[in-house]
Amino acid sequence: MPEILGTHMEGCDAQSSVSILSQAVLKEARILEYANTLPCAVGVHISCVPNQEVTRTGVGYAFTALPESTNNNSLVVYENDATTAESMAWRAQYPEYNSLNLETQGVLNVQGESFVFVSKAHPVIDLLRANKDVLKADIDKQTLIDDQWVRARPRPRAPAEVFVCFV
């Protein structure tokens, strides 16, 4: 019987499956084996896994299967290590946030509206600030409401995807 996150999936409908997967936290992605019968390398994208390899033209892939090759050894393409300096610094900077409250603490839902208010102290604000060149938008130019809140529109959710798009 298929099982995901400790839940037996036999007879589970699509909506229930999406609901279960939306609660998932990716800890590790491992390729058990692969075979490439093509005479050229094949770059592989994996949803929710950062690109680790980049071509000369700047195109990124989670991993690359070499031409006409088979690999029977498992390959870790992503590992969430909570002991890294970056992870420990994040927890020290935002001790009140965790996976259970990241989308609720410091976020005010506005009933009947397609936007929420996000506290300027929320970790996502620093994430937006750090990525303003990629996003082509500067969160610091947004008008604060009551000198505390940024108006934001949550993105449509896909499994294992985090929210945010500011308006």
N, C-alpha and C. Protein backbone atom coordinates (compact mmCIF):
# COMPACT_ATOMS: atom_id res chain seq x y z
N MET A 1 0.85 -1.18 0.00
CA MET A 1 0.00 0.00 0.00
C MET A 1 0.90 1.24 0.00
N PRO A 2 0.67 2.20 -0.91
CA PRO A 2 1.50 3.42 -0.95
C PRO A 2 1.34 4.23 0.34
N GLU A 3 2.46 4.80 0.77
CA GLU A 3 2.44 5.59 2.00
C GLU A 3 3.24 6.87 1.80
N ILE A 4 2.69 8.00 2.22
CA ILE A 4 3.38 9.29 2.18
C ILE A 4 3.27 9.92 3.56
N LEU A 5 4.41 10.29 4.11
CA LEU A 5 4.45 10.94 5.43
C LEU A 5 3.68 10.15 6.49
N GLY A 6 3.80 8.84 6.45
CA GLY A 6 3.16 8.01 7.45
C GLY A 6 1.67 7.81 7.24
N THR A 7 1.13 8.30 6.13
CA THR A 7 -0.30 8.16 5.84
C THR A 7 -0.48 7.19 4.68
N HIS A 8 -1.33 6.17 4.90
CA HIS A 8 -1.62 5.23 3.82
C HIS A 8 -2.45 5.93 2.78
N MET A 9 -2.04 5.85 1.52
CA MET A 9 -2.65 6.62 0.45
C MET A 9 -3.67 5.82 -0.36
N GLU A 10 -3.88 4.57 -0.03
CA GLU A 10 -4.84 3.74 -0.77
C GLU A 10 -6.21 4.40 -0.75
N GLY A 11 -6.77 4.68 -1.92
CA GLY A 11 -8.10 5.27 -2.03
C GLY A 11 -8.13 6.76 -1.72
N CYS A 12 -6.98 7.38 -1.55
CA CYS A 12 -6.90 8.81 -1.23
C CYS A 12 -7.17 9.62 -2.49
N ASP A 13 -8.03 10.62 -2.39
CA ASP A 13 -8.31 11.46 -3.56
C ASP A 13 -7.21 12.50 -3.74
N ALA A 14 -7.25 13.21 -4.87
CA ALA A 14 -6.21 14.18 -5.20
C ALA A 14 -6.15 15.31 -4.18
N GLN A 15 -7.29 15.80 -3.73
CA GLN A 15 -7.31 16.91 -2.77
C GLN A 15 -6.67 16.49 -1.45
N SER A 16 -6.95 15.29 -1.00
CA SER A 16 -6.34 14.81 0.24
C SER A 16 -4.83 14.64 0.08
N SER A 17 -4.41 14.15 -1.09
CA SER A 17 -2.98 13.98 -1.35
C SER A 17 -2.26 15.32 -1.34
N VAL A 18 -2.84 16.33 -1.98
CA VAL A 18 -2.24 17.67 -2.00
C VAL A 18 -2.19 18.24 -0.59
N SER A 19 -3.24 18.02 0.19
CA SER A 19 -3.26 18.51 1.56
C SER A 19 -2.14 17.89 2.38
N ILE A 20 -1.93 16.59 2.23
CA ILE A 20 -0.87 15.90 2.96
C ILE A 20 0.49 16.42 2.53
N LEU A 21 0.70 16.55 1.21
CA LEU A 21 1.99 17.02 0.70
C LEU A 21 2.27 18.47 1.06
N SER A 22 1.23 19.29 1.21
CA SER A 22 1.46 20.70 1.54
C SER A 22 2.01 20.86 2.95
N GLN A 23 1.91 19.83 3.77
CA GLN A 23 2.45 19.88 5.13
C GLN A 23 3.86 19.31 5.19
N ALA A 24 4.39 18.88 4.06
CA ALA A 24 5.70 18.23 4.03
C ALA A 24 6.83 19.23 4.17
N VAL A 25 7.89 18.78 4.79
CA VAL A 25 9.13 19.53 4.85
C VAL A 25 10.19 18.65 4.21
N LEU A 26 10.81 19.15 3.15
CA LEU A 26 11.80 18.37 2.42
C LEU A 26 13.09 18.33 3.23
N LYS A 27 13.48 17.14 3.65
CA LYS A 27 14.70 16.99 4.43
C LYS A 27 15.83 16.45 3.58
N GLU A 28 15.49 15.60 2.61
CA GLU A 28 16.52 15.03 1.74
C GLU A 28 15.88 14.58 0.44
N ALA A 29 16.61 14.80 -0.64
CA ALA A 29 16.19 14.27 -1.94
C ALA A 29 17.34 13.41 -2.44
N ARG A 30 17.03 12.16 -2.71
CA ARG A 30 18.06 11.19 -3.09
C ARG A 30 17.62 10.49 -4.37
N ILE A 31 18.50 10.42 -5.34
CA ILE A 31 18.25 9.65 -6.55
C ILE A 31 18.84 8.27 -6.30
N LEU A 32 17.98 7.27 -6.36
CA LEU A 32 18.44 5.91 -6.06
C LEU A 32 19.29 5.33 -7.19
N GLU A 33 18.86 5.58 -8.41
CA GLU A 33 19.64 5.15 -9.57
C GLU A 33 19.10 5.86 -10.81
N TYR A 34 19.90 5.90 -11.85
CA TYR A 34 19.43 6.47 -13.11
C TYR A 34 20.20 5.86 -14.27
N ALA A 35 19.61 5.98 -15.45
CA ALA A 35 20.25 5.53 -16.68
C ALA A 35 19.95 6.56 -17.77
N ASN A 36 20.98 6.95 -18.49
CA ASN A 36 20.83 7.86 -19.61
C ASN A 36 21.36 7.15 -20.85
N THR A 37 20.47 6.80 -21.76
CA THR A 37 20.86 6.09 -22.98
C THR A 37 21.13 7.05 -24.14
N LEU A 38 20.96 8.35 -23.90
CA LEU A 38 21.19 9.35 -24.95
C LEU A 38 22.68 9.62 -25.11
N PRO A 39 23.11 10.06 -26.30
CA PRO A 39 24.53 10.34 -26.53
C PRO A 39 24.97 11.72 -25.99
N CYS A 40 24.10 12.37 -25.24
CA CYS A 40 24.43 13.68 -24.68
C CYS A 40 24.03 13.71 -23.21
N ALA A 41 24.63 14.63 -22.47
CA ALA A 41 24.29 14.79 -21.05
C ALA A 41 22.87 15.33 -20.94
N VAL A 42 22.18 14.94 -19.88
CA VAL A 42 20.81 15.39 -19.64
C VAL A 42 20.77 16.09 -18.29
N GLY A 43 20.41 17.39 -18.32
CA GLY A 43 20.24 18.14 -17.08
C GLY A 43 18.85 17.88 -16.53
N VAL A 44 18.76 17.68 -15.23
CA VAL A 44 17.50 17.31 -14.61
C VAL A 44 17.07 18.39 -13.60
N HIS A 45 15.86 18.90 -13.79
CA HIS A 45 15.24 19.82 -12.83
C HIS A 45 14.38 18.99 -11.89
N ILE A 46 14.43 19.29 -10.61
CA ILE A 46 13.58 18.62 -9.63
C ILE A 46 12.87 19.72 -8.85
N SER A 47 11.55 19.71 -8.91
CA SER A 47 10.76 20.72 -8.21
C SER A 47 11.15 20.73 -6.74
N CYS A 48 11.33 21.93 -6.19
CA CYS A 48 11.65 22.15 -4.77
C CYS A 48 13.08 21.77 -4.39
N VAL A 49 13.93 21.46 -5.36
CA VAL A 49 15.33 21.15 -5.08
C VAL A 49 16.17 22.21 -5.78
N PRO A 50 17.06 22.88 -5.04
CA PRO A 50 17.87 23.92 -5.68
C PRO A 50 18.83 23.35 -6.71
N ASN A 51 19.11 24.14 -7.71
CA ASN A 51 20.06 23.74 -8.75
C ASN A 51 21.47 23.74 -8.18
N GLN A 52 22.19 22.65 -8.39
CA GLN A 52 23.55 22.53 -7.89
C GLN A 52 24.59 22.59 -9.00
N GLU A 53 24.14 22.39 -10.24
CA GLU A 53 25.05 22.36 -11.38
C GLU A 53 24.60 23.38 -12.40
N VAL A 54 25.56 24.04 -13.04
CA VAL A 54 25.23 25.10 -13.98
C VAL A 54 26.04 24.88 -15.26
N THR A 55 25.37 25.08 -16.41
CA THR A 55 26.05 24.96 -17.71
C THR A 55 26.83 26.23 -18.02
N ARG A 56 27.58 26.21 -19.12
CA ARG A 56 28.33 27.40 -19.54
C ARG A 56 27.41 28.58 -19.79
N THR A 57 26.19 28.30 -20.22
CA THR A 57 25.25 29.38 -20.53
C THR A 57 24.45 29.84 -19.32
N GLY A 58 24.72 29.25 -18.16
CA GLY A 58 24.06 29.70 -16.94
C GLY A 58 22.79 28.96 -16.58
N VAL A 59 22.43 27.94 -17.34
CA VAL A 59 21.24 27.14 -17.04
C VAL A 59 21.59 26.18 -15.90
N GLY A 60 20.73 26.15 -14.88
CA GLY A 60 21.00 25.32 -13.71
C GLY A 60 20.16 24.05 -13.66
N TYR A 61 20.73 23.02 -13.06
CA TYR A 61 20.04 21.73 -12.90
C TYR A 61 20.33 21.18 -11.50
N ALA A 62 19.41 20.35 -11.02
CA ALA A 62 19.62 19.68 -9.73
C ALA A 62 20.77 18.69 -9.85
N PHE A 63 20.84 18.01 -10.98
CA PHE A 63 21.98 17.15 -11.28
C PHE A 63 22.00 16.86 -12.77
N THR A 64 23.09 16.29 -13.24
CA THR A 64 23.25 15.98 -14.66
C THR A 64 23.55 14.50 -14.82
N ALA A 65 22.80 13.85 -15.72
CA ALA A 65 23.07 12.45 -16.06
C ALA A 65 24.04 12.47 -17.25
N LEU A 66 25.18 11.87 -17.08
CA LEU A 66 26.19 11.86 -18.13
C LEU A 66 25.74 11.04 -19.33
N PRO A 67 26.29 11.31 -20.52
CA PRO A 67 25.86 10.59 -21.73
C PRO A 67 26.10 9.09 -21.61
N GLU A 68 25.13 8.34 -22.12
CA GLU A 68 25.22 6.87 -22.18
C GLU A 68 25.82 6.28 -20.90
N SER A 69 25.19 6.62 -19.79
CA SER A 69 25.71 6.16 -18.50
C SER A 69 24.60 5.61 -17.62
N THR A 70 25.00 4.78 -16.70
CA THR A 70 24.10 4.22 -15.70
C THR A 70 24.77 4.39 -14.34
N ASN A 71 23.98 4.76 -13.36
CA ASN A 71 24.51 4.90 -12.01
C ASN A 71 23.58 4.16 -11.07
N ASN A 72 24.10 3.14 -10.41
CA ASN A 72 23.32 2.35 -9.46
C ASN A 72 23.58 2.77 -8.02
N ASN A 73 24.44 3.75 -7.82
CA ASN A 73 24.74 4.26 -6.48
C ASN A 73 23.82 5.43 -6.18
N SER A 74 23.29 5.47 -4.97
CA SER A 74 22.40 6.58 -4.64
C SER A 74 23.18 7.89 -4.59
N LEU A 75 22.49 8.96 -4.94
CA LEU A 75 23.10 10.28 -5.01
C LEU A 75 22.20 11.27 -4.28
N VAL A 76 22.72 11.92 -3.25
CA VAL A 76 21.96 12.93 -2.52
C VAL A 76 22.06 14.23 -3.30
N VAL A 77 20.91 14.74 -3.78
CA VAL A 77 20.90 16.00 -4.53
C VAL A 77 20.44 17.17 -3.66
N TYR A 78 19.90 16.88 -2.49
CA TYR A 78 19.53 17.92 -1.55
C TYR A 78 19.48 17.33 -0.15
N GLU A 79 20.01 18.10 0.80
CA GLU A 79 19.94 17.69 2.20
C GLU A 79 19.74 18.93 3.05
N ASN A 80 18.73 18.92 3.87
CA ASN A 80 18.43 20.04 4.76
C ASN A 80 19.18 19.78 6.06
N ASP A 81 20.26 20.50 6.26
CA ASP A 81 21.10 20.30 7.44
C ASP A 81 20.86 21.43 8.43
N ALA A 82 20.22 21.11 9.54
CA ALA A 82 19.89 22.11 10.55
C ALA A 82 21.10 22.56 11.35
N THR A 83 22.26 21.93 11.14
CA THR A 83 23.44 22.29 11.91
C THR A 83 24.37 23.23 11.15
N THR A 84 24.00 23.65 9.94
CA THR A 84 24.86 24.56 9.19
C THR A 84 24.89 25.92 9.88
N ALA A 85 25.93 26.68 9.61
CA ALA A 85 26.06 28.02 10.20
C ALA A 85 24.89 28.89 9.77
N GLU A 86 24.47 28.76 8.51
CA GLU A 86 23.35 29.55 8.00
C GLU A 86 22.06 29.22 8.75
N SER A 87 21.81 27.94 8.97
CA SER A 87 20.61 27.51 9.67
C SER A 87 20.62 27.99 11.13
N MET A 88 21.76 27.88 11.76
CA MET A 88 21.86 28.30 13.16
C MET A 88 21.72 29.82 13.27
N ALA A 89 22.28 30.57 12.31
CA ALA A 89 22.14 32.03 12.32
C ALA A 89 20.68 32.42 12.14
N TRP A 90 19.96 31.71 11.26
CA TRP A 90 18.54 31.99 11.03
C TRP A 90 17.75 31.79 12.32
N ARG A 91 18.00 30.67 12.99
CA ARG A 91 17.28 30.39 14.24
C ARG A 91 17.62 31.41 15.32
N ALA A 92 18.86 31.91 15.34
CA ALA A 92 19.23 32.92 16.32
C ALA A 92 18.58 34.27 16.00
N GLN A 93 18.46 34.59 14.71
CA GLN A 93 17.85 35.87 14.31
C GLN A 93 16.34 35.85 14.46
N TYR A 94 15.72 34.71 14.25
CA TYR A 94 14.25 34.59 14.31
C TYR A 94 13.84 33.46 15.26
N PRO A 95 14.16 33.56 16.55
CA PRO A 95 13.89 32.44 17.46
C PRO A 95 12.40 32.14 17.63
N GLU A 96 11.54 33.13 17.38
CA GLU A 96 10.10 32.91 17.58
C GLU A 96 9.43 32.20 16.40
N TYR A 97 10.16 32.02 15.29
CA TYR A 97 9.57 31.40 14.10
C TYR A 97 10.02 29.95 13.96
N ASN A 98 9.09 29.12 13.50
CA ASN A 98 9.38 27.72 13.20
C ASN A 98 8.46 27.27 12.07
N SER A 99 8.58 26.03 11.67
CA SER A 99 7.79 25.53 10.54
C SER A 99 6.29 25.52 10.82
N LEU A 100 5.91 25.54 12.10
CA LEU A 100 4.49 25.51 12.44
C LEU A 100 3.84 26.90 12.42
N ASN A 101 4.64 27.96 12.61
CA ASN A 101 4.02 29.28 12.69
C ASN A 101 4.54 30.29 11.67
N LEU A 102 5.39 29.88 10.76
CA LEU A 102 6.00 30.80 9.80
C LEU A 102 4.96 31.53 8.95
N GLU A 103 3.86 30.88 8.65
CA GLU A 103 2.84 31.50 7.80
C GLU A 103 1.73 32.17 8.59
N THR A 104 1.81 32.13 9.92
CA THR A 104 0.76 32.74 10.73
C THR A 104 1.27 33.83 11.67
N GLN A 105 2.44 33.61 12.27
CA GLN A 105 2.97 34.62 13.20
C GLN A 105 3.49 35.82 12.42
N GLY A 106 3.03 36.99 12.82
CA GLY A 106 3.44 38.20 12.12
C GLY A 106 2.72 38.38 10.79
N VAL A 107 1.64 37.61 10.59
CA VAL A 107 0.84 37.69 9.37
C VAL A 107 -0.61 37.91 9.77
N LEU A 108 -1.20 39.00 9.31
CA LEU A 108 -2.61 39.29 9.60
C LEU A 108 -3.45 39.01 8.37
N ASN A 109 -4.34 38.04 8.47
CA ASN A 109 -5.26 37.75 7.38
C ASN A 109 -6.36 38.79 7.36
N VAL A 110 -6.76 39.19 6.18
CA VAL A 110 -7.84 40.15 6.02
C VAL A 110 -9.00 39.40 5.37
N GLN A 111 -10.03 39.14 6.15
CA GLN A 111 -11.14 38.32 5.69
C GLN A 111 -11.80 38.96 4.46
N GLY A 112 -12.01 38.13 3.44
CA GLY A 112 -12.68 38.58 2.22
C GLY A 112 -11.78 39.32 1.26
N GLU A 113 -10.48 39.43 1.57
CA GLU A 113 -9.54 40.14 0.69
C GLU A 113 -8.49 39.17 0.16
N SER A 114 -7.85 39.55 -0.94
CA SER A 114 -6.83 38.69 -1.54
C SER A 114 -5.43 39.07 -1.06
N PHE A 115 -5.34 39.81 0.04
CA PHE A 115 -4.04 40.18 0.56
C PHE A 115 -4.00 39.96 2.07
N VAL A 116 -2.79 39.98 2.60
CA VAL A 116 -2.55 39.89 4.03
C VAL A 116 -1.60 41.02 4.41
N PHE A 117 -1.46 41.27 5.70
CA PHE A 117 -0.46 42.20 6.18
C PHE A 117 0.65 41.39 6.85
N VAL A 118 1.89 41.68 6.49
CA VAL A 118 3.04 40.96 7.03
C VAL A 118 3.88 41.94 7.84
N SER A 119 4.25 41.54 9.04
CA SER A 119 5.07 42.37 9.91
C SER A 119 6.42 42.65 9.25
N LYS A 120 6.91 43.86 9.42
CA LYS A 120 8.22 44.21 8.86
C LYS A 120 9.35 43.40 9.52
N ALA A 121 9.06 42.77 10.68
CA ALA A 121 10.04 41.93 11.37
C ALA A 121 9.97 40.46 10.95
N HIS A 122 9.06 40.12 10.04
CA HIS A 122 8.91 38.74 9.59
C HIS A 122 10.12 38.34 8.74
N PRO A 123 10.58 37.10 8.84
CA PRO A 123 11.74 36.65 8.06
C PRO A 123 11.58 36.83 6.56
N VAL A 124 10.36 36.72 6.06
CA VAL A 124 10.17 36.84 4.61
C VAL A 124 10.52 38.24 4.11
N ILE A 125 10.39 39.24 4.96
CA ILE A 125 10.74 40.61 4.56
C ILE A 125 12.24 40.70 4.31
N ASP A 126 13.04 40.08 5.18
CA ASP A 126 14.49 40.07 4.95
C ASP A 126 14.84 39.26 3.71
N LEU A 127 14.10 38.20 3.46
CA LEU A 127 14.32 37.39 2.26
C LEU A 127 14.04 38.22 1.00
N LEU A 128 12.96 38.98 1.01
CA LEU A 128 12.64 39.85 -0.12
C LEU A 128 13.70 40.94 -0.28
N ARG A 129 14.16 41.47 0.83
CA ARG A 129 15.18 42.52 0.80
C ARG A 129 16.48 41.98 0.19
N ALA A 130 16.87 40.78 0.59
CA ALA A 130 18.11 40.18 0.10
C ALA A 130 18.03 39.81 -1.38
N ASN A 131 16.82 39.64 -1.90
CA ASN A 131 16.65 39.21 -3.29
C ASN A 131 16.02 40.28 -4.17
N LYS A 132 16.15 41.55 -3.79
CA LYS A 132 15.48 42.61 -4.55
C LYS A 132 15.98 42.70 -6.00
N ASP A 133 17.23 42.37 -6.25
CA ASP A 133 17.73 42.41 -7.63
C ASP A 133 17.11 41.31 -8.48
N VAL A 134 16.96 40.14 -7.91
CA VAL A 134 16.34 39.03 -8.63
C VAL A 134 14.85 39.30 -8.85
N LEU A 135 14.19 39.83 -7.83
CA LEU A 135 12.76 40.09 -7.90
C LEU A 135 12.43 41.36 -8.68
N LYS A 136 13.42 42.21 -8.88
CA LYS A 136 13.21 43.51 -9.54
C LYS A 136 12.18 44.35 -8.77
N ALA A 137 12.24 44.27 -7.46
CA ALA A 137 11.33 45.01 -6.58
C ALA A 137 12.03 45.23 -5.24
N ASP A 138 11.85 46.40 -4.68
CA ASP A 138 12.50 46.75 -3.43
C ASP A 138 11.45 46.86 -2.33
N ILE A 139 11.49 45.93 -1.39
CA ILE A 139 10.52 45.89 -0.30
C ILE A 139 10.60 47.15 0.55
N ASP A 140 11.77 47.76 0.63
CA ASP A 140 11.93 48.96 1.45
C ASP A 140 11.26 50.19 0.86
N LYS A 141 10.83 50.11 -0.39
CA LYS A 141 10.10 51.22 -1.02
C LYS A 141 8.59 51.07 -0.85
N GLN A 142 8.17 49.97 -0.24
CA GLN A 142 6.74 49.76 0.02
C GLN A 142 6.30 50.61 1.20
N THR A 143 5.10 51.12 1.13
CA THR A 143 4.55 51.93 2.22
C THR A 143 4.18 51.03 3.39
N LEU A 144 4.68 51.38 4.57
CA LEU A 144 4.33 50.63 5.78
C LEU A 144 3.00 51.17 6.32
N ILE A 145 2.19 50.28 6.82
CA ILE A 145 0.93 50.65 7.44
C ILE A 145 1.16 50.61 8.95
N ASP A 146 0.84 51.69 9.63
CA ASP A 146 1.09 51.84 11.07
C ASP A 146 2.57 51.61 11.41
N ASP A 147 3.45 51.95 10.48
CA ASP A 147 4.89 51.80 10.66
C ASP A 147 5.29 50.37 11.03
N GLN A 148 4.47 49.39 10.67
CA GLN A 148 4.71 48.01 11.08
C GLN A 148 4.41 46.97 10.00
N TRP A 149 3.40 47.22 9.18
CA TRP A 149 2.87 46.17 8.30
C TRP A 149 3.09 46.47 6.83
N VAL A 150 3.45 45.41 6.08
CA VAL A 150 3.56 45.47 4.63
C VAL A 150 2.37 44.73 4.06
N ARG A 151 1.71 45.33 3.09
CA ARG A 151 0.59 44.66 2.43
C ARG A 151 1.16 43.67 1.42
N ALA A 152 0.75 42.42 1.48
CA ALA A 152 1.29 41.37 0.62
C ALA A 152 0.17 40.48 0.12
N ARG A 153 0.38 39.90 -1.03
CA ARG A 153 -0.58 38.97 -1.62
C ARG A 153 0.06 37.59 -1.58
N PRO A 154 -0.51 36.63 -0.86
CA PRO A 154 0.05 35.28 -0.84
C PRO A 154 0.01 34.67 -2.23
N ARG A 155 1.04 33.95 -2.58
CA ARG A 155 1.07 33.25 -3.86
C ARG A 155 0.17 32.03 -3.78
N PRO A 156 -0.39 31.60 -4.92
CA PRO A 156 -1.13 30.34 -4.90
C PRO A 156 -0.19 29.23 -4.45
N ARG A 157 -0.66 28.37 -3.60
CA ARG A 157 0.20 27.35 -2.99
C ARG A 157 0.32 26.12 -3.86
N ALA A 158 1.52 25.61 -3.95
CA ALA A 158 1.80 24.32 -4.52
C ALA A 158 2.46 23.53 -3.41
N PRO A 159 2.45 22.20 -3.46
CA PRO A 159 3.09 21.44 -2.40
C PRO A 159 4.53 21.89 -2.18
N ALA A 160 4.89 22.08 -0.92
CA ALA A 160 6.23 22.45 -0.49
C ALA A 160 6.66 23.83 -0.97
N GLU A 161 5.72 24.69 -1.29
CA GLU A 161 6.07 26.03 -1.73
C GLU A 161 5.71 27.02 -0.64
N VAL A 162 6.53 28.01 -0.45
CA VAL A 162 6.29 29.03 0.56
C VAL A 162 5.65 30.23 -0.10
N PHE A 163 4.89 31.02 0.67
CA PHE A 163 4.16 32.15 0.13
C PHE A 163 5.06 33.34 -0.10
N VAL A 164 4.64 34.28 -0.86
CA VAL A 164 4.98 35.68 -0.83
C VAL A 164 5.09 36.33 -2.19
N CYS A 165 4.41 37.42 -2.24
CA CYS A 165 4.44 38.33 -3.37
C CYS A 165 3.89 39.62 -2.80
N PHE A 166 4.68 40.68 -2.77
CA PHE A 166 4.14 41.90 -2.19
C PHE A 166 3.51 42.78 -3.25
N VAL A 167 2.51 43.57 -2.82
CA VAL A 167 1.77 44.42 -3.76
C VAL A 167 1.97 45.87 -3.41
